[in-house]
N, C-alpha and C. Protein backbone atom coordinates (compact mmCIF):
# COMPACT_ATOMS: atom_id res chain seq x y z
N MET A 1 -4.99 9.26 -11.62
CA MET A 1 -4.61 7.89 -11.30
C MET A 1 -5.79 6.98 -11.62
N ALA A 2 -5.52 5.92 -12.35
CA ALA A 2 -6.59 4.98 -12.72
C ALA A 2 -7.09 4.24 -11.49
N VAL A 3 -8.29 3.77 -11.57
CA VAL A 3 -8.91 3.12 -10.42
C VAL A 3 -8.45 1.67 -10.27
N MET A 4 -8.01 1.04 -11.34
CA MET A 4 -7.61 -0.36 -11.25
C MET A 4 -6.25 -0.56 -11.91
N ILE A 5 -5.42 -1.38 -11.28
CA ILE A 5 -4.10 -1.70 -11.82
C ILE A 5 -4.09 -3.21 -12.06
N GLU A 6 -3.67 -3.60 -13.26
CA GLU A 6 -3.52 -5.02 -13.56
C GLU A 6 -2.06 -5.32 -13.84
N THR A 7 -1.58 -6.42 -13.27
CA THR A 7 -0.23 -6.90 -13.54
C THR A 7 -0.37 -8.28 -14.18
N LYS A 8 0.74 -8.96 -14.34
CA LYS A 8 0.70 -10.29 -14.94
C LYS A 8 -0.21 -11.23 -14.16
N ARG A 9 -0.16 -11.17 -12.82
CA ARG A 9 -0.92 -12.11 -12.00
C ARG A 9 -1.97 -11.47 -11.10
N LEU A 10 -1.95 -10.14 -10.98
CA LEU A 10 -2.76 -9.47 -9.97
C LEU A 10 -3.70 -8.41 -10.53
N VAL A 11 -4.74 -8.14 -9.75
CA VAL A 11 -5.62 -7.00 -9.96
C VAL A 11 -5.60 -6.24 -8.63
N ILE A 12 -5.30 -4.93 -8.70
CA ILE A 12 -5.16 -4.11 -7.50
C ILE A 12 -6.05 -2.90 -7.68
N TYR A 13 -6.91 -2.63 -6.70
CA TYR A 13 -7.86 -1.52 -6.85
C TYR A 13 -8.25 -0.96 -5.48
N PRO A 14 -8.63 0.33 -5.45
CA PRO A 14 -9.05 0.92 -4.19
C PRO A 14 -10.38 0.31 -3.73
N ALA A 15 -10.44 -0.01 -2.46
CA ALA A 15 -11.66 -0.59 -1.89
C ALA A 15 -12.77 0.45 -1.85
N SER A 16 -13.98 -0.03 -2.00
CA SER A 16 -15.15 0.82 -1.86
C SER A 16 -15.40 1.08 -0.36
N ARG A 17 -16.29 1.99 -0.07
CA ARG A 17 -16.66 2.24 1.32
C ARG A 17 -17.15 0.96 1.98
N GLU A 18 -17.98 0.21 1.27
CA GLU A 18 -18.54 -1.03 1.81
C GLU A 18 -17.44 -2.06 2.09
N GLN A 19 -16.50 -2.18 1.18
CA GLN A 19 -15.40 -3.12 1.39
C GLN A 19 -14.55 -2.70 2.58
N MET A 20 -14.30 -1.40 2.72
CA MET A 20 -13.50 -0.93 3.85
C MET A 20 -14.24 -1.14 5.16
N GLU A 21 -15.54 -0.89 5.16
CA GLU A 21 -16.34 -1.12 6.38
C GLU A 21 -16.33 -2.60 6.76
N ALA A 22 -16.39 -3.48 5.77
CA ALA A 22 -16.35 -4.92 6.04
C ALA A 22 -15.00 -5.33 6.61
N LEU A 23 -13.91 -4.77 6.07
CA LEU A 23 -12.57 -5.06 6.60
C LEU A 23 -12.46 -4.60 8.05
N ILE A 24 -12.96 -3.41 8.32
CA ILE A 24 -12.92 -2.87 9.69
C ILE A 24 -13.69 -3.79 10.64
N ALA A 25 -14.88 -4.21 10.22
CA ALA A 25 -15.73 -5.06 11.07
C ALA A 25 -15.11 -6.42 11.33
N SER A 26 -14.35 -6.94 10.36
CA SER A 26 -13.80 -8.28 10.51
C SER A 26 -12.40 -8.31 11.11
N GLU A 27 -11.75 -7.15 11.21
CA GLU A 27 -10.36 -7.10 11.69
C GLU A 27 -10.29 -7.35 13.20
N THR A 28 -9.48 -8.31 13.59
CA THR A 28 -9.33 -8.65 15.01
C THR A 28 -8.14 -7.94 15.66
N ASN A 29 -7.22 -7.42 14.86
CA ASN A 29 -6.06 -6.69 15.38
C ASN A 29 -6.46 -5.23 15.60
N ASP A 30 -6.41 -4.78 16.86
CA ASP A 30 -6.85 -3.42 17.18
C ASP A 30 -6.07 -2.35 16.42
N GLU A 31 -4.77 -2.54 16.27
CA GLU A 31 -3.95 -1.55 15.57
C GLU A 31 -4.34 -1.44 14.11
N LEU A 32 -4.55 -2.58 13.46
CA LEU A 32 -4.98 -2.56 12.06
C LEU A 32 -6.38 -1.99 11.92
N ARG A 33 -7.28 -2.36 12.82
CA ARG A 33 -8.65 -1.84 12.75
C ARG A 33 -8.64 -0.31 12.85
N THR A 34 -7.82 0.23 13.77
CA THR A 34 -7.71 1.68 13.91
C THR A 34 -7.16 2.31 12.63
N ALA A 35 -6.13 1.69 12.05
CA ALA A 35 -5.56 2.20 10.80
C ALA A 35 -6.60 2.20 9.69
N TYR A 36 -7.37 1.12 9.58
CA TYR A 36 -8.41 1.04 8.55
C TYR A 36 -9.48 2.11 8.77
N GLN A 37 -9.83 2.36 10.03
CA GLN A 37 -10.82 3.40 10.33
C GLN A 37 -10.30 4.77 9.92
N GLU A 38 -9.00 5.01 10.16
CA GLU A 38 -8.40 6.29 9.76
C GLU A 38 -8.40 6.43 8.24
N MET A 39 -8.14 5.34 7.54
CA MET A 39 -8.15 5.37 6.07
C MET A 39 -9.54 5.72 5.56
N LEU A 40 -10.55 5.06 6.11
CA LEU A 40 -11.92 5.34 5.68
C LEU A 40 -12.29 6.79 5.98
N ALA A 41 -11.91 7.29 7.14
CA ALA A 41 -12.19 8.68 7.50
C ALA A 41 -11.53 9.63 6.49
N GLY A 42 -10.29 9.32 6.08
CA GLY A 42 -9.60 10.14 5.08
C GLY A 42 -10.32 10.13 3.75
N CYS A 43 -10.84 8.96 3.37
CA CYS A 43 -11.59 8.84 2.11
C CYS A 43 -12.87 9.68 2.16
N LEU A 44 -13.57 9.60 3.28
CA LEU A 44 -14.84 10.31 3.40
C LEU A 44 -14.63 11.82 3.50
N LYS A 45 -13.51 12.22 4.09
CA LYS A 45 -13.19 13.65 4.22
C LYS A 45 -12.82 14.25 2.87
N ALA A 46 -12.13 13.46 2.04
CA ALA A 46 -11.67 13.96 0.73
C ALA A 46 -11.97 12.92 -0.35
N PRO A 47 -13.25 12.76 -0.71
CA PRO A 47 -13.61 11.71 -1.68
C PRO A 47 -12.94 11.89 -3.05
N ASP A 48 -12.55 13.11 -3.39
CA ASP A 48 -11.86 13.35 -4.67
C ASP A 48 -10.42 12.83 -4.63
N ARG A 49 -9.93 12.45 -3.45
CA ARG A 49 -8.58 11.89 -3.30
C ARG A 49 -8.66 10.49 -2.68
N TRP A 50 -9.75 9.79 -2.98
CA TRP A 50 -10.04 8.48 -2.41
C TRP A 50 -8.85 7.52 -2.50
N GLU A 51 -8.24 7.43 -3.70
CA GLU A 51 -7.17 6.45 -3.91
C GLU A 51 -5.94 6.70 -3.03
N TRP A 52 -5.78 7.94 -2.53
CA TRP A 52 -4.63 8.26 -1.68
C TRP A 52 -4.87 7.90 -0.21
N HIS A 53 -6.10 7.56 0.14
CA HIS A 53 -6.43 7.21 1.53
C HIS A 53 -7.00 5.81 1.68
N ALA A 54 -7.52 5.25 0.61
CA ALA A 54 -8.24 3.97 0.66
C ALA A 54 -7.31 2.78 0.87
N MET A 55 -7.88 1.73 1.38
CA MET A 55 -7.23 0.42 1.37
C MET A 55 -7.38 -0.10 -0.06
N TRP A 56 -6.28 -0.57 -0.64
CA TRP A 56 -6.32 -1.15 -1.98
C TRP A 56 -6.36 -2.66 -1.83
N MET A 57 -7.24 -3.30 -2.56
CA MET A 57 -7.37 -4.74 -2.53
C MET A 57 -6.38 -5.36 -3.52
N ILE A 58 -5.71 -6.41 -3.08
CA ILE A 58 -4.79 -7.16 -3.95
C ILE A 58 -5.43 -8.52 -4.17
N GLU A 59 -5.74 -8.82 -5.44
CA GLU A 59 -6.40 -10.07 -5.78
C GLU A 59 -5.64 -10.76 -6.91
N LEU A 60 -5.70 -12.08 -6.89
CA LEU A 60 -5.23 -12.84 -8.04
C LEU A 60 -6.21 -12.60 -9.17
N LYS A 61 -5.81 -12.89 -10.39
CA LYS A 61 -6.69 -12.66 -11.54
C LYS A 61 -8.00 -13.45 -11.45
N ASP A 62 -7.99 -14.55 -10.65
CA ASP A 62 -9.23 -15.32 -10.50
C ASP A 62 -10.16 -14.75 -9.42
N GLY A 63 -9.78 -13.59 -8.84
CA GLY A 63 -10.62 -12.94 -7.84
C GLY A 63 -10.28 -13.29 -6.40
N THR A 64 -9.31 -14.19 -6.18
CA THR A 64 -8.92 -14.56 -4.83
C THR A 64 -8.23 -13.39 -4.15
N HIS A 65 -8.77 -12.95 -3.01
CA HIS A 65 -8.19 -11.84 -2.25
C HIS A 65 -6.97 -12.35 -1.49
N ILE A 66 -5.79 -11.73 -1.74
CA ILE A 66 -4.57 -12.22 -1.09
C ILE A 66 -3.88 -11.18 -0.21
N GLY A 67 -4.38 -9.95 -0.21
CA GLY A 67 -3.74 -8.94 0.63
C GLY A 67 -4.28 -7.55 0.37
N GLU A 68 -3.64 -6.60 1.04
CA GLU A 68 -4.03 -5.21 0.90
C GLU A 68 -2.78 -4.35 0.77
N LEU A 69 -3.00 -3.15 0.25
CA LEU A 69 -1.96 -2.15 0.11
C LEU A 69 -2.63 -0.81 0.33
N CYS A 70 -1.88 0.16 0.77
CA CYS A 70 -2.48 1.49 0.92
C CYS A 70 -1.44 2.57 0.71
N PHE A 71 -1.93 3.72 0.31
CA PHE A 71 -1.15 4.95 0.37
C PHE A 71 -1.58 5.60 1.68
N LYS A 72 -0.66 6.21 2.36
CA LYS A 72 -1.00 6.88 3.61
C LYS A 72 -1.13 8.38 3.35
N GLY A 73 -1.90 8.70 2.30
CA GLY A 73 -2.09 10.08 1.89
C GLY A 73 -1.01 10.52 0.92
N LEU A 74 -1.16 11.71 0.41
CA LEU A 74 -0.18 12.34 -0.47
C LEU A 74 0.21 13.65 0.19
N GLU A 75 1.46 13.75 0.61
CA GLU A 75 1.94 14.93 1.33
C GLU A 75 2.12 16.11 0.38
N ALA A 76 2.13 17.31 0.92
CA ALA A 76 2.30 18.53 0.13
C ALA A 76 3.62 18.55 -0.62
N ASP A 77 4.65 17.85 -0.09
CA ASP A 77 5.95 17.81 -0.76
C ASP A 77 6.01 16.76 -1.87
N GLY A 78 4.90 16.09 -2.14
CA GLY A 78 4.84 15.10 -3.21
C GLY A 78 5.22 13.70 -2.78
N THR A 79 5.37 13.47 -1.49
CA THR A 79 5.72 12.15 -0.97
C THR A 79 4.45 11.34 -0.70
N ALA A 80 4.45 10.12 -1.20
CA ALA A 80 3.34 9.19 -0.95
C ALA A 80 3.91 7.97 -0.23
N GLU A 81 3.48 7.75 1.01
CA GLU A 81 3.94 6.58 1.75
C GLU A 81 3.00 5.42 1.49
N ILE A 82 3.58 4.22 1.33
CA ILE A 82 2.76 3.04 1.13
C ILE A 82 2.96 2.05 2.28
N GLY A 83 1.95 1.23 2.45
CA GLY A 83 2.01 0.10 3.36
C GLY A 83 1.38 -1.08 2.64
N TYR A 84 1.77 -2.30 2.97
CA TYR A 84 1.23 -3.45 2.26
C TYR A 84 1.33 -4.70 3.11
N GLY A 85 0.50 -5.67 2.78
CA GLY A 85 0.55 -6.95 3.45
C GLY A 85 -0.07 -8.02 2.58
N ILE A 86 0.54 -9.17 2.60
CA ILE A 86 0.05 -10.33 1.85
C ILE A 86 -0.31 -11.41 2.87
N ALA A 87 -1.45 -12.07 2.67
CA ALA A 87 -1.86 -13.15 3.57
C ALA A 87 -0.77 -14.21 3.64
N GLU A 88 -0.56 -14.74 4.83
CA GLU A 88 0.56 -15.65 5.08
C GLU A 88 0.65 -16.79 4.07
N GLU A 89 -0.49 -17.36 3.71
CA GLU A 89 -0.44 -18.52 2.80
C GLU A 89 -0.04 -18.16 1.37
N TYR A 90 0.05 -16.86 1.06
CA TYR A 90 0.44 -16.43 -0.29
C TYR A 90 1.82 -15.76 -0.31
N ARG A 91 2.49 -15.71 0.82
CA ARG A 91 3.81 -15.08 0.90
C ARG A 91 4.86 -15.95 0.23
N GLY A 92 5.96 -15.30 -0.16
CA GLY A 92 7.08 -16.03 -0.75
C GLY A 92 6.91 -16.36 -2.22
N ARG A 93 5.91 -15.78 -2.85
CA ARG A 93 5.65 -16.05 -4.27
C ARG A 93 5.84 -14.83 -5.16
N GLY A 94 6.34 -13.74 -4.58
CA GLY A 94 6.59 -12.53 -5.35
C GLY A 94 5.40 -11.60 -5.52
N TYR A 95 4.29 -11.91 -4.87
CA TYR A 95 3.10 -11.07 -5.03
C TYR A 95 3.29 -9.66 -4.46
N ALA A 96 3.95 -9.54 -3.30
CA ALA A 96 4.17 -8.21 -2.71
C ALA A 96 5.05 -7.38 -3.63
N THR A 97 6.10 -7.97 -4.16
CA THR A 97 6.99 -7.25 -5.07
C THR A 97 6.23 -6.79 -6.31
N GLU A 98 5.43 -7.67 -6.86
CA GLU A 98 4.64 -7.33 -8.06
C GLU A 98 3.67 -6.18 -7.76
N ALA A 99 3.02 -6.24 -6.61
CA ALA A 99 2.05 -5.20 -6.24
C ALA A 99 2.74 -3.87 -5.96
N VAL A 100 3.82 -3.89 -5.18
CA VAL A 100 4.51 -2.64 -4.84
C VAL A 100 5.10 -1.99 -6.10
N LYS A 101 5.69 -2.76 -6.99
CA LYS A 101 6.23 -2.21 -8.25
C LYS A 101 5.12 -1.53 -9.04
N ALA A 102 4.01 -2.21 -9.19
CA ALA A 102 2.92 -1.69 -10.02
C ALA A 102 2.31 -0.43 -9.42
N VAL A 103 2.07 -0.43 -8.13
CA VAL A 103 1.44 0.72 -7.50
C VAL A 103 2.40 1.91 -7.44
N SER A 104 3.68 1.64 -7.23
CA SER A 104 4.66 2.73 -7.22
C SER A 104 4.76 3.38 -8.61
N ALA A 105 4.80 2.54 -9.64
CA ALA A 105 4.85 3.07 -11.01
C ALA A 105 3.62 3.91 -11.31
N ARG A 106 2.47 3.44 -10.88
CA ARG A 106 1.24 4.19 -11.10
C ARG A 106 1.25 5.50 -10.33
N ALA A 107 1.79 5.51 -9.11
CA ALA A 107 1.86 6.75 -8.33
C ALA A 107 2.67 7.80 -9.08
N PHE A 108 3.76 7.38 -9.73
CA PHE A 108 4.60 8.34 -10.44
C PHE A 108 3.95 8.87 -11.71
N GLU A 109 2.85 8.27 -12.14
CA GLU A 109 2.09 8.83 -13.27
C GLU A 109 1.36 10.10 -12.84
N TYR A 110 1.19 10.28 -11.55
CA TYR A 110 0.54 11.48 -11.00
C TYR A 110 1.63 12.54 -10.89
N PRO A 111 1.51 13.68 -11.59
CA PRO A 111 2.60 14.66 -11.66
C PRO A 111 3.09 15.19 -10.31
N ALA A 112 2.23 15.26 -9.31
CA ALA A 112 2.62 15.82 -8.02
C ALA A 112 3.51 14.89 -7.20
N VAL A 113 3.56 13.60 -7.55
CA VAL A 113 4.33 12.64 -6.76
C VAL A 113 5.81 12.73 -7.11
N THR A 114 6.63 12.99 -6.09
CA THR A 114 8.08 13.08 -6.27
C THR A 114 8.81 11.88 -5.69
N ALA A 115 8.17 11.19 -4.72
CA ALA A 115 8.81 10.04 -4.08
C ALA A 115 7.74 9.15 -3.47
N VAL A 116 8.04 7.85 -3.43
CA VAL A 116 7.20 6.89 -2.71
C VAL A 116 8.07 6.36 -1.58
N THR A 117 7.52 6.34 -0.37
CA THR A 117 8.28 5.88 0.79
C THR A 117 7.54 4.73 1.46
N ALA A 118 8.27 4.00 2.29
CA ALA A 118 7.69 2.91 3.08
C ALA A 118 8.59 2.71 4.29
N GLU A 119 8.02 2.13 5.32
CA GLU A 119 8.85 1.72 6.45
C GLU A 119 8.42 0.33 6.88
N THR A 120 9.36 -0.38 7.48
CA THR A 120 9.11 -1.76 7.85
C THR A 120 9.83 -2.06 9.15
N ALA A 121 9.38 -3.04 9.85
CA ALA A 121 10.04 -3.41 11.10
C ALA A 121 11.49 -3.82 10.81
N ALA A 122 12.37 -3.49 11.74
CA ALA A 122 13.80 -3.77 11.56
C ALA A 122 14.07 -5.25 11.31
N ASP A 123 13.24 -6.13 11.90
CA ASP A 123 13.46 -7.57 11.74
C ASP A 123 12.67 -8.18 10.59
N ASN A 124 11.96 -7.35 9.82
CA ASN A 124 11.16 -7.86 8.70
C ASN A 124 11.99 -7.82 7.42
N THR A 125 12.93 -8.76 7.34
CA THR A 125 13.84 -8.78 6.19
C THR A 125 13.12 -9.09 4.88
N ALA A 126 12.04 -9.86 4.95
CA ALA A 126 11.29 -10.17 3.72
C ALA A 126 10.70 -8.89 3.13
N SER A 127 10.13 -8.05 3.96
CA SER A 127 9.56 -6.79 3.48
C SER A 127 10.66 -5.85 2.97
N GLN A 128 11.78 -5.84 3.65
CA GLN A 128 12.90 -5.01 3.20
C GLN A 128 13.39 -5.48 1.83
N ARG A 129 13.43 -6.80 1.61
CA ARG A 129 13.82 -7.35 0.31
C ARG A 129 12.82 -6.94 -0.78
N VAL A 130 11.53 -6.94 -0.44
CA VAL A 130 10.52 -6.51 -1.41
C VAL A 130 10.82 -5.08 -1.85
N LEU A 131 11.05 -4.21 -0.88
CA LEU A 131 11.31 -2.81 -1.21
C LEU A 131 12.58 -2.66 -2.05
N GLU A 132 13.63 -3.37 -1.67
CA GLU A 132 14.88 -3.29 -2.44
C GLU A 132 14.69 -3.79 -3.87
N LYS A 133 13.93 -4.89 -4.05
CA LYS A 133 13.67 -5.41 -5.40
C LYS A 133 12.87 -4.42 -6.24
N CYS A 134 12.12 -3.55 -5.57
CA CYS A 134 11.30 -2.56 -6.27
C CYS A 134 12.06 -1.25 -6.49
N GLY A 135 13.34 -1.21 -6.11
CA GLY A 135 14.15 -0.03 -6.36
C GLY A 135 14.23 0.96 -5.21
N PHE A 136 13.59 0.65 -4.09
CA PHE A 136 13.65 1.53 -2.92
C PHE A 136 15.04 1.40 -2.29
N ALA A 137 15.50 2.48 -1.67
CA ALA A 137 16.77 2.48 -0.95
C ALA A 137 16.52 2.91 0.50
N ALA A 138 17.28 2.34 1.41
CA ALA A 138 17.18 2.75 2.81
C ALA A 138 17.52 4.23 2.90
N SER A 139 16.70 4.99 3.62
CA SER A 139 16.93 6.43 3.72
C SER A 139 17.87 6.79 4.87
N GLY A 140 18.14 5.83 5.74
CA GLY A 140 18.95 6.10 6.91
C GLY A 140 18.15 6.64 8.08
N GLU A 141 16.83 6.79 7.87
CA GLU A 141 15.95 7.28 8.93
C GLU A 141 15.10 6.14 9.44
N ASN A 142 14.60 6.29 10.66
CA ASN A 142 13.67 5.33 11.24
C ASN A 142 12.35 6.02 11.51
N GLY A 143 11.26 5.29 11.23
CA GLY A 143 9.93 5.79 11.53
C GLY A 143 9.38 5.02 12.72
N GLU A 144 8.08 5.13 12.94
CA GLU A 144 7.43 4.43 14.06
C GLU A 144 7.59 2.92 13.97
N GLU A 145 7.56 2.39 12.74
CA GLU A 145 7.62 0.94 12.55
C GLU A 145 9.04 0.42 12.39
N GLY A 146 9.97 1.29 11.99
CA GLY A 146 11.34 0.84 11.77
C GLY A 146 11.99 1.61 10.64
N PRO A 147 12.98 1.00 9.96
CA PRO A 147 13.72 1.68 8.91
C PRO A 147 12.81 2.19 7.78
N ARG A 148 13.14 3.39 7.30
CA ARG A 148 12.38 3.99 6.20
C ARG A 148 13.13 3.76 4.89
N PHE A 149 12.35 3.56 3.83
CA PHE A 149 12.89 3.34 2.49
C PHE A 149 12.25 4.35 1.56
N ILE A 150 12.98 4.72 0.49
CA ILE A 150 12.47 5.74 -0.43
C ILE A 150 12.75 5.33 -1.87
N LEU A 151 11.80 5.63 -2.73
CA LEU A 151 11.93 5.46 -4.17
C LEU A 151 11.67 6.82 -4.79
N LEU A 152 12.68 7.37 -5.47
CA LEU A 152 12.53 8.69 -6.09
C LEU A 152 12.06 8.56 -7.52
N ARG A 153 11.38 9.60 -7.99
CA ARG A 153 10.87 9.64 -9.37
C ARG A 153 12.01 9.39 -10.33
């Protein structure tokens, strides 16, 4: 898997240790800070699989940071779960859809990946629309956050 993904408007890349530590230090949401700490721990435990545990930075081509995306590891069955978020002032412009499409396509370039999954809060219709626009289908299952969606190879 390449280290950097470029789309028409975005540059998406795995954060360095320093970038992840800075995100952890600046995060005011305890749940997100814990998730970021777990991601960094996964990166440090398996540096050869960094991209599967790291926070990915989503930037406009001019370098403006607008959000993050992550894989939540790569399971033995070939499933890679993703999570993503776009800063509020950049929402509604298609950036999440562009990022999720690009990262999902790149994940499938890795031969072991058989499916990309995501889950979103039941009331987060915008996120559900992003997943649907990217070809994900509701799996009929619910995870900790809400409905689960799947994109098969």
